[in-house]
Amino acid sequence: MPSIRWLSFLLGALALATSGPPARADASPGPEPALRRAPVLALQSPDRVQLTFRLDAPLARRFDGEVLGSARISTREASLYPVGDAASHCYAARIAPGPMRAGHRYTVRLFLSAADQSPLEVVVPLRRARRDDDRGARLGC
């Protein structure tokens, strides 16, 4: 049976082997991405909408590959996901904020990073869904 001293030595060696260099905070984070064109808000069903927008730079990703960001209409929030070509920097969110009517304008808040305290706020007209809206064809995605 191994001695306590031997086990503590192995645990210490394992801790040193698995620890990497200390994490550094980036001294100068890049500028936040900006909208390239006006977002498109399309009515998918009487109580579900899809927001699609295009940025000038890609959004950051989490450790598992998910996009760091969200969109909010009314009090409902949804995660963002990429649409279209990877080089186009297009993103979408499907939100069920409740009954909405085509032709009305709605305030949309875009949180483009995990620590975004002041979201990008735009007023977008809601229109009926058209063919290829789900992949952002109207925005050139």
Protein backbone atom coordinates (compact mmCIF):
# COMPACT_ATOMS: atom_id res chain seq x y z
CA MET A 1 0.00 0.00 0.00
CA PRO A 2 1.43 3.42 -0.98
CA SER A 3 2.47 5.73 1.76
CA ILE A 4 0.84 9.11 2.44
CA ARG A 5 4.05 10.90 1.50
CA TRP A 6 4.13 9.18 -1.90
CA LEU A 7 0.46 10.03 -2.60
CA SER A 8 0.95 13.68 -1.67
CA PHE A 9 3.98 13.83 -3.99
CA LEU A 10 1.93 12.40 -6.87
CA LEU A 11 -0.96 14.79 -6.24
CA GLY A 12 1.41 17.77 -6.19
CA ALA A 13 3.07 16.65 -9.44
CA LEU A 14 -0.34 16.17 -11.04
CA ALA A 15 -1.44 19.65 -9.96
CA LEU A 16 1.72 21.20 -11.46
CA ALA A 17 1.34 19.25 -14.69
CA THR A 18 -2.30 20.23 -15.24
CA SER A 19 -1.97 23.90 -14.40
CA GLY A 20 -1.10 26.08 -17.36
CA PRO A 21 0.33 29.53 -17.45
CA PRO A 22 -1.67 32.08 -15.47
CA ALA A 23 -4.57 33.59 -17.35
CA ARG A 24 -4.00 37.14 -18.57
CA ALA A 25 -6.64 39.71 -19.14
CA ASP A 26 -6.36 41.32 -22.55
CA ALA A 27 -5.15 44.85 -21.91
CA SER A 28 -6.86 46.27 -24.98
CA PRO A 29 -10.05 44.49 -26.03
CA GLY A 30 -11.09 45.22 -29.59
CA PRO A 31 -13.95 47.54 -30.42
CA GLU A 32 -17.47 46.18 -30.25
CA PRO A 33 -18.87 45.03 -33.59
CA ALA A 34 -21.22 47.48 -35.31
CA LEU A 35 -24.27 46.87 -37.48
CA ARG A 36 -23.58 46.89 -41.22
CA ARG A 37 -27.24 47.16 -42.24
CA ALA A 38 -30.55 47.64 -40.49
CA PRO A 39 -31.76 44.43 -38.77
CA VAL A 40 -34.68 42.48 -40.19
CA LEU A 41 -37.53 41.51 -37.84
CA ALA A 42 -39.81 38.93 -39.46
CA LEU A 43 -43.08 37.54 -38.12
CA GLN A 44 -42.78 33.73 -38.14
CA SER A 45 -46.15 33.08 -36.43
CA PRO A 46 -48.58 35.32 -34.50
CA ASP A 47 -46.43 35.09 -31.36
CA ARG A 48 -42.92 34.28 -32.67
CA VAL A 49 -40.47 36.53 -34.50
CA GLN A 50 -37.01 36.11 -35.95
CA LEU A 51 -34.45 38.88 -35.75
CA THR A 52 -31.61 38.74 -38.28
CA PHE A 53 -28.72 41.19 -38.46
CA ARG A 54 -25.26 41.58 -39.95
CA LEU A 55 -22.18 42.92 -38.17
CA ASP A 56 -18.84 44.23 -39.39
CA ALA A 57 -16.89 41.75 -37.21
CA PRO A 58 -17.57 38.34 -35.67
CA LEU A 59 -18.90 38.00 -32.14
CA ALA A 60 -16.84 36.28 -29.46
CA ARG A 61 -17.60 32.67 -28.65
CA ARG A 62 -17.84 30.69 -25.44
CA PHE A 63 -15.60 27.75 -24.62
CA ASP A 64 -18.10 25.38 -26.27
CA GLY A 65 -18.45 27.38 -29.49
CA GLU A 66 -21.73 29.15 -28.71
CA VAL A 67 -22.00 32.83 -29.59
CA LEU A 68 -21.59 35.25 -26.68
CA GLY A 69 -24.54 37.56 -27.11
CA SER A 70 -28.29 37.83 -26.95
CA ALA A 71 -31.24 39.83 -28.22
CA ARG A 72 -34.21 41.17 -26.28
CA ILE A 73 -37.63 42.26 -27.46
CA SER A 74 -40.00 43.41 -24.77
CA THR A 75 -39.07 41.30 -21.75
CA ARG A 76 -38.10 38.17 -23.69
CA GLU A 77 -34.48 37.36 -24.37
CA ALA A 78 -32.99 34.82 -26.76
CA SER A 79 -29.50 33.60 -27.60
CA LEU A 80 -27.87 34.47 -30.89
CA TYR A 81 -26.78 31.93 -33.46
CA PRO A 82 -24.84 32.36 -36.71
CA VAL A 83 -26.68 32.23 -40.05
CA GLY A 84 -25.51 32.26 -43.64
CA ASP A 85 -21.87 32.26 -44.67
CA ALA A 86 -19.32 32.23 -41.82
CA ALA A 87 -17.45 35.19 -43.34
CA SER A 88 -20.60 37.36 -43.48
CA HIS A 89 -20.88 37.78 -39.67
CA CYS A 90 -24.66 37.35 -39.72
CA TYR A 91 -26.60 36.34 -36.62
CA ALA A 92 -30.21 35.60 -35.74
CA ALA A 93 -32.43 35.04 -32.73
CA ARG A 94 -35.91 33.54 -32.51
CA ILE A 95 -38.01 35.17 -29.84
CA ALA A 96 -41.56 34.61 -28.59
CA PRO A 97 -42.38 37.97 -26.98
CA GLY A 98 -46.14 37.49 -27.27
CA PRO A 99 -48.69 38.66 -29.83
CA MET A 100 -47.13 41.06 -32.32
CA ARG A 101 -48.49 42.75 -35.45
CA ALA A 102 -46.78 43.20 -38.79
CA GLY A 103 -46.26 46.85 -39.70
CA HIS A 104 -45.60 47.99 -36.13
CA ARG A 105 -42.16 49.11 -34.97
CA TYR A 106 -40.52 47.39 -32.00
CA THR A 107 -37.49 48.22 -29.88
CA VAL A 108 -34.79 45.57 -30.06
CA ARG A 109 -31.84 45.43 -27.68
CA LEU A 110 -28.69 43.60 -28.79
CA PHE A 111 -26.22 42.47 -26.15
CA LEU A 112 -23.10 41.80 -28.24
CA SER A 113 -20.83 40.47 -25.50
CA ALA A 114 -21.10 38.65 -22.19
CA ALA A 115 -20.27 41.77 -20.15
CA ASP A 116 -22.31 44.20 -22.26
CA GLN A 117 -23.91 46.59 -19.78
CA SER A 118 -25.23 49.02 -22.39
CA PRO A 119 -26.90 47.15 -25.25
CA LEU A 120 -27.21 48.38 -28.79
CA GLU A 121 -30.81 49.59 -29.07
CA VAL A 122 -32.61 49.87 -32.43
CA VAL A 123 -36.22 50.34 -33.48
CA VAL A 124 -37.13 47.83 -36.19
CA PRO A 125 -40.36 47.47 -38.19
CA LEU A 126 -41.94 44.02 -38.03
CA ARG A 127 -42.80 42.52 -41.41
CA ARG A 128 -44.23 39.23 -42.55
CA ALA A 129 -41.73 36.43 -43.14
CA ARG A 130 -40.50 35.91 -46.68
CA ARG A 131 -38.70 33.09 -48.38
CA ASP A 132 -35.04 32.68 -47.28
CA ASP A 133 -35.48 34.92 -44.20
CA ASP A 134 -34.23 32.10 -41.99
CA ARG A 135 -30.77 32.30 -43.56
CA GLY A 136 -30.55 36.09 -43.84
CA ALA A 137 -30.65 36.31 -47.65
CA ARG A 138 -32.01 39.88 -47.57
CA LEU A 139 -28.93 41.05 -45.67
CA GLY A 140 -26.48 39.27 -47.97
CA CYS A 141 -25.59 36.57 -45.45
